[in-house]
Amino acid sequence: MKKLFENHFERTWLIIFLFLFFLIMIPFPFFYSETYIPAWGGIPSFLFGWFAHTAVTFVLIIVYYRMCMKRKEYHVYDEENEKGESEV
């Protein structure tokens, strides 16, 4: 756990995803409503906040994945498997 907070890359992404988590937990009117407020097509208006939050989360997951795959430490096991296969 200590090592997680020493790495700038992982600490930054941890903060980003924790922010998204806490943002969705706060009962903002665009995420939570006790009354039915119809929007386009009769869909409750707070669902559009969920749709937007979901889209942003998926985009950030894809960005995180691509950034991880550019880093050497995420390919350690790939290199070990290549060495093991070449010895056989």
PDB file of N, CA and C in Angstrom:
ATOM      1  N   MET A   1       0.827  -1.192   0.000  1.00  0.00           N
ATOM      2  CA  MET A   1       0.000   0.000   0.000  1.00  0.00           C
ATOM      3  C   MET A   1       0.867   1.251   0.000  1.00  0.00           C
ATOM      4  N   LYS A   2       1.970   1.197   0.744  1.00  0.00           N
ATOM      5  CA  LYS A   2       2.863   2.348   0.806  1.00  0.00           C
ATOM      6  C   LYS A   2       3.434   2.656  -0.576  1.00  0.00           C
ATOM      7  N   LYS A   3       3.785   1.623  -1.310  1.00  0.00           N
ATOM      8  CA  LYS A   3       4.373   1.800  -2.633  1.00  0.00           C
ATOM      9  C   LYS A   3       3.380   2.457  -3.598  1.00  0.00           C
ATOM     10  N   LEU A   4       2.108   2.209  -3.405  1.00  0.00           N
ATOM     11  CA  LEU A   4       1.074   2.783  -4.265  1.00  0.00           C
ATOM     12  C   LEU A   4       1.101   4.302  -4.228  1.00  0.00           C
ATOM     13  N   PHE A   5       1.341   4.878  -3.055  1.00  0.00           N
ATOM     14  CA  PHE A   5       1.322   6.330  -2.931  1.00  0.00           C
ATOM     15  C   PHE A   5       2.651   6.971  -3.309  1.00  0.00           C
ATOM     16  N   GLU A   6       3.691   6.175  -3.512  1.00  0.00           N
ATOM     17  CA  GLU A   6       4.972   6.716  -3.947  1.00  0.00           C
ATOM     18  C   GLU A   6       5.024   6.877  -5.461  1.00  0.00           C
ATOM     19  N   ASN A   7       4.286   6.095  -6.197  1.00  0.00           N
ATOM     20  CA  ASN A   7       4.281   6.133  -7.652  1.00  0.00           C
ATOM     21  C   ASN A   7       3.308   7.216  -8.120  1.00  0.00           C
ATOM     22  N   HIS A   8       3.815   8.228  -8.795  1.00  0.00           N
ATOM     23  CA  HIS A   8       2.990   9.366  -9.229  1.00  0.00           C
ATOM     24  C   HIS A   8       1.877   8.926 -10.183  1.00  0.00           C
ATOM     25  N   PHE A   9       2.203   8.055 -11.124  1.00  0.00           N
ATOM     26  CA  PHE A   9       1.230   7.593 -12.111  1.00  0.00           C
ATOM     27  C   PHE A   9       0.039   6.919 -11.435  1.00  0.00           C
ATOM     28  N   GLU A  10       0.316   5.961 -10.563  1.00  0.00           N
ATOM     29  CA  GLU A  10      -0.758   5.217  -9.904  1.00  0.00           C
ATOM     30  C   GLU A  10      -1.514   6.086  -8.908  1.00  0.00           C
ATOM     31  N   ARG A  11      -0.816   6.971  -8.217  1.00  0.00           N
ATOM     32  CA  ARG A  11      -1.474   7.873  -7.274  1.00  0.00           C
ATOM     33  C   ARG A  11      -2.440   8.812  -8.011  1.00  0.00           C
ATOM     34  N   THR A  12      -2.030   9.316  -9.160  1.00  0.00           N
ATOM     35  CA  THR A  12      -2.887  10.214  -9.940  1.00  0.00           C
ATOM     36  C   THR A  12      -4.161   9.503 -10.378  1.00  0.00           C
ATOM     37  N   TRP A  13      -4.017   8.288 -10.897  1.00  0.00           N
ATOM     38  CA  TRP A  13      -5.196   7.560 -11.356  1.00  0.00           C
ATOM     39  C   TRP A  13      -6.074   7.108 -10.195  1.00  0.00           C
ATOM     40  N   LEU A  14      -5.474   6.801  -9.061  1.00  0.00           N
ATOM     41  CA  LEU A  14      -6.257   6.468  -7.875  1.00  0.00           C
ATOM     42  C   LEU A  14      -7.124   7.658  -7.475  1.00  0.00           C
ATOM     43  N   ILE A  15      -6.548   8.838  -7.478  1.00  0.00           N
ATOM     44  CA  ILE A  15      -7.306  10.039  -7.110  1.00  0.00           C
ATOM     45  C   ILE A  15      -8.426  10.304  -8.120  1.00  0.00           C
ATOM     46  N   ILE A  16      -8.148  10.118  -9.404  1.00  0.00           N
ATOM     47  CA  ILE A  16      -9.170  10.340 -10.432  1.00  0.00           C
ATOM     48  C   ILE A  16     -10.353   9.400 -10.223  1.00  0.00           C
ATOM     49  N   PHE A  17     -10.070   8.110 -10.047  1.00  0.00           N
ATOM     50  CA  PHE A  17     -11.171   7.146  -9.909  1.00  0.00           C
ATOM     51  C   PHE A  17     -11.878   7.267  -8.565  1.00  0.00           C
ATOM     52  N   LEU A  18     -11.164   7.634  -7.509  1.00  0.00           N
ATOM     53  CA  LEU A  18     -11.838   7.885  -6.238  1.00  0.00           C
ATOM     54  C   LEU A  18     -12.733   9.114  -6.325  1.00  0.00           C
ATOM     55  N   PHE A  19     -12.298  10.131  -7.051  1.00  0.00           N
ATOM     56  CA  PHE A  19     -13.134  11.306  -7.257  1.00  0.00           C
ATOM     57  C   PHE A  19     -14.423  10.927  -7.983  1.00  0.00           C
ATOM     58  N   LEU A  20     -14.321  10.117  -9.023  1.00  0.00           N
ATOM     59  CA  LEU A  20     -15.526   9.670  -9.739  1.00  0.00           C
ATOM     60  C   LEU A  20     -16.442   8.874  -8.818  1.00  0.00           C
ATOM     61  N   PHE A  21     -15.860   8.043  -7.968  1.00  0.00           N
ATOM     62  CA  PHE A  21     -16.650   7.253  -7.029  1.00  0.00           C
ATOM     63  C   PHE A  21     -17.388   8.154  -6.042  1.00  0.00           C
ATOM     64  N   PHE A  22     -16.671   9.090  -5.435  1.00  0.00           N
ATOM     65  CA  PHE A  22     -17.306   9.962  -4.454  1.00  0.00           C
ATOM     66  C   PHE A  22     -18.294  10.923  -5.099  1.00  0.00           C
ATOM     67  N   LEU A  23     -18.033  11.314  -6.341  1.00  0.00           N
ATOM     68  CA  LEU A  23     -18.955  12.192  -7.056  1.00  0.00           C
ATOM     69  C   LEU A  23     -20.317  11.521  -7.241  1.00  0.00           C
ATOM     70  N   ILE A  24     -20.302  10.241  -7.582  1.00  0.00           N
ATOM     71  CA  ILE A  24     -21.559   9.528  -7.821  1.00  0.00           C
ATOM     72  C   ILE A  24     -22.280   9.240  -6.506  1.00  0.00           C
ATOM     73  N   MET A  25     -21.556   9.211  -5.376  1.00  0.00           N
ATOM     74  CA  MET A  25     -22.167   8.934  -4.087  1.00  0.00           C
ATOM     75  C   MET A  25     -22.868  10.146  -3.477  1.00  0.00           C
ATOM     76  N   ILE A  26     -22.474  11.335  -3.876  1.00  0.00           N
ATOM     77  CA  ILE A  26     -23.098  12.548  -3.342  1.00  0.00           C
ATOM     78  C   ILE A  26     -24.456  12.732  -4.032  1.00  0.00           C
ATOM     79  N   PRO A  27     -25.515  12.965  -3.282  1.00  0.00           N
ATOM     80  CA  PRO A  27     -26.856  13.031  -3.902  1.00  0.00           C
ATOM     81  C   PRO A  27     -27.123  14.346  -4.653  1.00  0.00           C
ATOM     82  N   PHE A  28     -26.348  14.585  -5.703  1.00  0.00           N
ATOM     83  CA  PHE A  28     -26.606  15.736  -6.562  1.00  0.00           C
ATOM     84  C   PHE A  28     -27.905  15.505  -7.327  1.00  0.00           C
ATOM     85  N   PRO A  29     -28.618  16.577  -7.692  1.00  0.00           N
ATOM     86  CA  PRO A  29     -29.882  16.391  -8.412  1.00  0.00           C
ATOM     87  C   PRO A  29     -29.719  15.744  -9.789  1.00  0.00           C
ATOM     88  N   PHE A  30     -28.530  15.804 -10.364  1.00  0.00           N
ATOM     89  CA  PHE A  30     -28.332  15.162 -11.666  1.00  0.00           C
ATOM     90  C   PHE A  30     -27.938  13.698 -11.528  1.00  0.00           C
ATOM     91  N   PHE A  31     -27.815  13.179 -10.288  1.00  0.00           N
ATOM     92  CA  PHE A  31     -27.580  11.754 -10.045  1.00  0.00           C
ATOM     93  C   PHE A  31     -28.698  11.111  -9.217  1.00  0.00           C
ATOM     94  N   TYR A  32     -29.475  11.907  -8.498  1.00  0.00           N
ATOM     95  CA  TYR A  32     -30.441  11.361  -7.544  1.00  0.00           C
ATOM     96  C   TYR A  32     -31.632  12.303  -7.453  1.00  0.00           C
ATOM     97  N   SER A  33     -32.826  11.726  -7.468  1.00  0.00           N
ATOM     98  CA  SER A  33     -34.025  12.538  -7.325  1.00  0.00           C
ATOM     99  C   SER A  33     -35.136  11.681  -6.725  1.00  0.00           C
ATOM    100  N   GLU A  34     -35.841  12.237  -5.766  1.00  0.00           N
ATOM    101  CA  GLU A  34     -36.970  11.521  -5.168  1.00  0.00           C
ATOM    102  C   GLU A  34     -38.267  11.795  -5.917  1.00  0.00           C
ATOM    103  N   THR A  35     -38.252  12.775  -6.784  1.00  0.00           N
ATOM    104  CA  THR A  35     -39.448  13.098  -7.566  1.00  0.00           C
ATOM    105  C   THR A  35     -39.173  12.807  -9.032  1.00  0.00           C
ATOM    106  N   TYR A  36     -40.236  12.498  -9.731  1.00  0.00           N
ATOM    107  CA  TYR A  36     -40.117  12.206 -11.153  1.00  0.00           C
ATOM    108  C   TYR A  36     -40.097  13.522 -11.925  1.00  0.00           C
ATOM    109  N   ILE A  37     -38.959  13.801 -12.530  1.00  0.00           N
ATOM    110  CA  ILE A  37     -38.821  14.979 -13.379  1.00  0.00           C
ATOM    111  C   ILE A  37     -38.526  14.459 -14.776  1.00  0.00           C
ATOM    112  N   PRO A  38     -39.552  14.472 -15.648  1.00  0.00           N
ATOM    113  CA  PRO A  38     -39.340  13.894 -16.968  1.00  0.00           C
ATOM    114  C   PRO A  38     -38.414  14.749 -17.826  1.00  0.00           C
ATOM    115  N   ALA A  39     -37.638  14.078 -18.634  1.00  0.00           N
ATOM    116  CA  ALA A  39     -36.760  14.740 -19.602  1.00  0.00           C
ATOM    117  C   ALA A  39     -37.155  14.219 -20.979  1.00  0.00           C
ATOM    118  N   TRP A  40     -36.245  14.250 -21.873  1.00  0.00           N
ATOM    119  CA  TRP A  40     -36.506  13.830 -23.248  1.00  0.00           C
ATOM    120  C   TRP A  40     -37.015  12.388 -23.285  1.00  0.00           C
ATOM    121  N   GLY A  41     -38.144  12.180 -23.911  1.00  0.00           N
ATOM    122  CA  GLY A  41     -38.726  10.847 -24.058  1.00  0.00           C
ATOM    123  C   GLY A  41     -39.327  10.290 -22.791  1.00  0.00           C
ATOM    124  N   GLY A  42     -39.539  11.113 -21.785  1.00  0.00           N
ATOM    125  CA  GLY A  42     -40.122  10.647 -20.537  1.00  0.00           C
ATOM    126  C   GLY A  42     -39.143   9.964 -19.605  1.00  0.00           C
ATOM    127  N   ILE A  43     -37.881   9.956 -19.987  1.00  0.00           N
ATOM    128  CA  ILE A  43     -36.860   9.346 -19.143  1.00  0.00           C
ATOM    129  C   ILE A  43     -36.607  10.263 -17.952  1.00  0.00           C
ATOM    130  N   PRO A  44     -36.527   9.725 -16.745  1.00  0.00           N
ATOM    131  CA  PRO A  44     -36.227  10.586 -15.586  1.00  0.00           C
ATOM    132  C   PRO A  44     -34.920  11.349 -15.810  1.00  0.00           C
ATOM    133  N   SER A  45     -34.917  12.616 -15.487  1.00  0.00           N
ATOM    134  CA  SER A  45     -33.788  13.479 -15.831  1.00  0.00           C
ATOM    135  C   SER A  45     -32.490  13.065 -15.153  1.00  0.00           C
ATOM    136  N   PHE A  46     -32.558  12.487 -13.951  1.00  0.00           N
ATOM    137  CA  PHE A  46     -31.318  12.123 -13.268  1.00  0.00           C
ATOM    138  C   PHE A  46     -30.574  10.996 -13.974  1.00  0.00           C
ATOM    139  N   LEU A  47     -31.274  10.216 -14.799  1.00  0.00           N
ATOM    140  CA  LEU A  47     -30.593   9.137 -15.517  1.00  0.00           C
ATOM    141  C   LEU A  47     -29.583   9.665 -16.525  1.00  0.00           C
ATOM    142  N   PHE A  48     -29.815  10.860 -17.048  1.00  0.00           N
ATOM    143  CA  PHE A  48     -28.851  11.426 -17.986  1.00  0.00           C
ATOM    144  C   PHE A  48     -27.537  11.754 -17.281  1.00  0.00           C
ATOM    145  N   GLY A  49     -27.601  12.122 -16.010  1.00  0.00           N
ATOM    146  CA  GLY A  49     -26.373  12.300 -15.228  1.00  0.00           C
ATOM    147  C   GLY A  49     -25.615  10.995 -15.088  1.00  0.00           C
ATOM    148  N   TRP A  50     -26.358   9.907 -14.853  1.00  0.00           N
ATOM    149  CA  TRP A  50     -25.728   8.587 -14.764  1.00  0.00           C
ATOM    150  C   TRP A  50     -25.117   8.185 -16.101  1.00  0.00           C
ATOM    151  N   PHE A  51     -25.838   8.453 -17.194  1.00  0.00           N
ATOM    152  CA  PHE A  51     -25.311   8.121 -18.527  1.00  0.00           C
ATOM    153  C   PHE A  51     -24.021   8.878 -18.798  1.00  0.00           C
ATOM    154  N   ALA A  52     -23.987  10.165 -18.469  1.00  0.00           N
ATOM    155  CA  ALA A  52     -22.788  10.975 -18.691  1.00  0.00           C
ATOM    156  C   ALA A  52     -21.638  10.484 -17.809  1.00  0.00           C
ATOM    157  N   HIS A  53     -21.936  10.209 -16.552  1.00  0.00           N
ATOM    158  CA  HIS A  53     -20.901   9.721 -15.633  1.00  0.00           C
ATOM    159  C   HIS A  53     -20.352   8.386 -16.113  1.00  0.00           C
ATOM    160  N   THR A  54     -21.209   7.504 -16.591  1.00  0.00           N
ATOM    161  CA  THR A  54     -20.776   6.208 -17.106  1.00  0.00           C
ATOM    162  C   THR A  54     -19.885   6.380 -18.322  1.00  0.00           C
ATOM    163  N   ALA A  55     -20.272   7.262 -19.240  1.00  0.00           N
ATOM    164  CA  ALA A  55     -19.467   7.498 -20.439  1.00  0.00           C
ATOM    165  C   ALA A  55     -18.086   8.042 -20.067  1.00  0.00           C
ATOM    166  N   VAL A  56     -18.041   9.001 -19.153  1.00  0.00           N
ATOM    167  CA  VAL A  56     -16.757   9.558 -18.714  1.00  0.00           C
ATOM    168  C   VAL A  56     -15.912   8.483 -18.057  1.00  0.00           C
ATOM    169  N   THR A  57     -16.515   7.646 -17.234  1.00  0.00           N
ATOM    170  CA  THR A  57     -15.776   6.574 -16.556  1.00  0.00           C
ATOM    171  C   THR A  57     -15.195   5.593 -17.565  1.00  0.00           C
ATOM    172  N   PHE A  58     -15.978   5.181 -18.551  1.00  0.00           N
ATOM    173  CA  PHE A  58     -15.473   4.251 -19.567  1.00  0.00           C
ATOM    174  C   PHE A  58     -14.334   4.868 -20.373  1.00  0.00           C
ATOM    175  N   VAL A  59     -14.463   6.137 -20.730  1.00  0.00           N
ATOM    176  CA  VAL A  59     -13.390   6.808 -21.472  1.00  0.00           C
ATOM    177  C   VAL A  59     -12.116   6.857 -20.630  1.00  0.00           C
ATOM    178  N   LEU A  60     -12.248   7.184 -19.354  1.00  0.00           N
ATOM    179  CA  LEU A  60     -11.070   7.235 -18.484  1.00  0.00           C
ATOM    180  C   LEU A  60     -10.452   5.852 -18.272  1.00  0.00           C
ATOM    181  N   ILE A  61     -11.264   4.812 -18.231  1.00  0.00           N
ATOM    182  CA  ILE A  61     -10.732   3.450 -18.125  1.00  0.00           C
ATOM    183  C   ILE A  61      -9.918   3.103 -19.363  1.00  0.00           C
ATOM    184  N   ILE A  62     -10.394   3.489 -20.530  1.00  0.00           N
ATOM    185  CA  ILE A  62      -9.663   3.226 -21.773  1.00  0.00           C
ATOM    186  C   ILE A  62      -8.354   4.019 -21.804  1.00  0.00           C
ATOM    187  N   VAL A  63      -8.399   5.280 -21.386  1.00  0.00           N
ATOM    188  CA  VAL A  63      -7.184   6.095 -21.326  1.00  0.00           C
ATOM    189  C   VAL A  63      -6.194   5.486 -20.345  1.00  0.00           C
ATOM    190  N   TYR A  64      -6.678   5.061 -19.187  1.00  0.00           N
ATOM    191  CA  TYR A  64      -5.823   4.430 -18.176  1.00  0.00           C
ATOM    192  C   TYR A  64      -5.185   3.152 -18.726  1.00  0.00           C
ATOM    193  N   TYR A  65      -5.966   2.333 -19.396  1.00  0.00           N
ATOM    194  CA  TYR A  65      -5.452   1.089 -19.975  1.00  0.00           C
ATOM    195  C   TYR A  65      -4.346   1.370 -20.986  1.00  0.00           C
ATOM    196  N   ARG A  66      -4.596   2.330 -21.875  1.00  0.00           N
ATOM    197  CA  ARG A  66      -3.587   2.642 -22.897  1.00  0.00           C
ATOM    198  C   ARG A  66      -2.315   3.213 -22.281  1.00  0.00           C
ATOM    199  N   MET A  67      -2.457   4.029 -21.255  1.00  0.00           N
ATOM    200  CA  MET A  67      -1.274   4.568 -20.586  1.00  0.00           C
ATOM    201  C   MET A  67      -0.517   3.465 -19.851  1.00  0.00           C
ATOM    202  N   CYS A  68      -1.237   2.521 -19.262  1.00  0.00           N
ATOM    203  CA  CYS A  68      -0.591   1.398 -18.575  1.00  0.00           C
ATOM    204  C   CYS A  68       0.188   0.531 -19.556  1.00  0.00           C
ATOM    205  N   MET A  69      -0.376   0.287 -20.717  1.00  0.00           N
ATOM    206  CA  MET A  69       0.273  -0.591 -21.675  1.00  0.00           C
ATOM    207  C   MET A  69       1.522   0.042 -22.293  1.00  0.00           C
ATOM    208  N   LYS A  70       1.699   1.342 -22.124  1.00  0.00           N
ATOM    209  CA  LYS A  70       2.919   2.001 -22.596  1.00  0.00           C
ATOM    210  C   LYS A  70       4.036   1.926 -21.556  1.00  0.00           C
ATOM    211  N   ARG A  71       3.713   1.509 -20.337  1.00  0.00           N
ATOM    212  CA  ARG A  71       4.689   1.485 -19.249  1.00  0.00           C
ATOM    213  C   ARG A  71       5.331   0.103 -19.148  1.00  0.00           C
ATOM    214  N   LYS A  72       6.628   0.112 -18.899  1.00  0.00           N
ATOM    215  CA  LYS A  72       7.390  -1.130 -18.856  1.00  0.00           C
ATOM    216  C   LYS A  72       6.963  -2.039 -17.699  1.00  0.00           C
ATOM    217  N   GLU A  73       6.648  -1.474 -16.536  1.00  0.00           N
ATOM    218  CA  GLU A  73       6.350  -2.322 -15.377  1.00  0.00           C
ATOM    219  C   GLU A  73       5.076  -3.153 -15.544  1.00  0.00           C
ATOM    220  N   TYR A  74       4.244  -2.817 -16.505  1.00  0.00           N
ATOM    221  CA  TYR A  74       3.042  -3.602 -16.745  1.00  0.00           C
ATOM    222  C   TYR A  74       3.285  -4.750 -17.728  1.00  0.00           C
ATOM    223  N   HIS A  75       4.523  -4.892 -18.200  1.00  0.00           N
ATOM    224  CA  HIS A  75       4.867  -5.966 -19.137  1.00  0.00           C
ATOM    225  C   HIS A  75       5.901  -6.927 -18.562  1.00  0.00           C
ATOM    226  N   VAL A  76       6.095  -6.909 -17.259  1.00  0.00           N
ATOM    227  CA  VAL A  76       7.092  -7.768 -16.619  1.00  0.00           C
ATOM    228  C   VAL A  76       6.782  -9.233 -16.881  1.00  0.00           C
ATOM    229  N   TYR A  77       5.549  -9.639 -16.717  1.00  0.00           N
ATOM    230  CA  TYR A  77       5.200 -11.046 -16.901  1.00  0.00           C
ATOM    231  C   TYR A  77       5.243 -11.452 -18.360  1.00  0.00           C
ATOM    232  N   ASP A  78       4.995 -10.524 -19.280  1.00  0.00           N
ATOM    233  CA  ASP A  78       5.123 -10.841 -20.698  1.00  0.00           C
ATOM    234  C   ASP A  78       6.562 -11.213 -21.037  1.00  0.00           C
ATOM    235  N   GLU A  79       7.524 -10.456 -20.500  1.00  0.00           N
ATOM    236  CA  GLU A  79       8.935 -10.727 -20.758  1.00  0.00           C
ATOM    237  C   GLU A  79       9.357 -12.055 -20.143  1.00  0.00           C
ATOM    238  N   GLU A  80       8.847 -12.376 -18.957  1.00  0.00           N
ATOM    239  CA  GLU A  80       9.189 -13.647 -18.314  1.00  0.00           C
ATOM    240  C   GLU A  80       8.645 -14.813 -19.120  1.00  0.00           C
ATOM    241  N   ASN A  81       7.432 -14.685 -19.677  1.00  0.00           N
ATOM    242  CA  ASN A  81       6.858 -15.749 -20.490  1.00  0.00           C
ATOM    243  C   ASN A  81       7.641 -15.941 -21.784  1.00  0.00           C
ATOM    244  N   GLU A  82       8.111 -14.855 -22.381  1.00  0.00           N
ATOM    245  CA  GLU A  82       8.895 -14.963 -23.610  1.00  0.00           C
ATOM    246  C   GLU A  82      10.221 -15.666 -23.346  1.00  0.00           C
ATOM    247  N   LYS A  83      10.873 -15.387 -22.208  1.00  0.00           N
ATOM    248  CA  LYS A  83      12.119 -16.044 -21.849  1.00  0.00           C
ATOM    249  C   LYS A  83      11.890 -17.535 -21.617  1.00  0.00           C
ATOM    250  N   GLY A  84      10.780 -17.871 -20.933  1.00  0.00           N
ATOM    251  CA  GLY A  84      10.480 -19.264 -20.650  1.00  0.00           C
ATOM    252  C   GLY A  84      10.176 -20.057 -21.907  1.00  0.00           C
ATOM    253  N   GLU A  85       9.515 -19.458 -22.857  1.00  0.00           N
ATOM    254  CA  GLU A  85       9.183 -20.140 -24.100  1.00  0.00           C
ATOM    255  C   GLU A  85      10.406 -20.344 -24.975  1.00  0.00           C
ATOM    256  N   SER A  86      11.344 -19.393 -24.946  1.00  0.00           N
ATOM    257  CA  SER A  86      12.533 -19.513 -25.784  1.00  0.00           C
ATOM    258  C   SER A  86      13.482 -20.591 -25.263  1.00  0.00           C
ATOM    259  N   GLU A  87      13.420 -20.889 -23.950  1.00  0.00           N
ATOM    260  CA  GLU A  87      14.290 -21.901 -23.371  1.00  0.00           C
ATOM    261  C   GLU A  87      13.794 -23.301 -23.681  1.00  0.00           C
ATOM    262  N   VAL A  88      12.534 -23.467 -24.002  1.00  0.00           N
ATOM    263  CA  VAL A  88      11.951 -24.793 -24.226  1.00  0.00           C
ATOM    264  C   VAL A  88      12.353 -25.334 -25.562  1.00  0.00           C
TER     265      VAL A  88
END
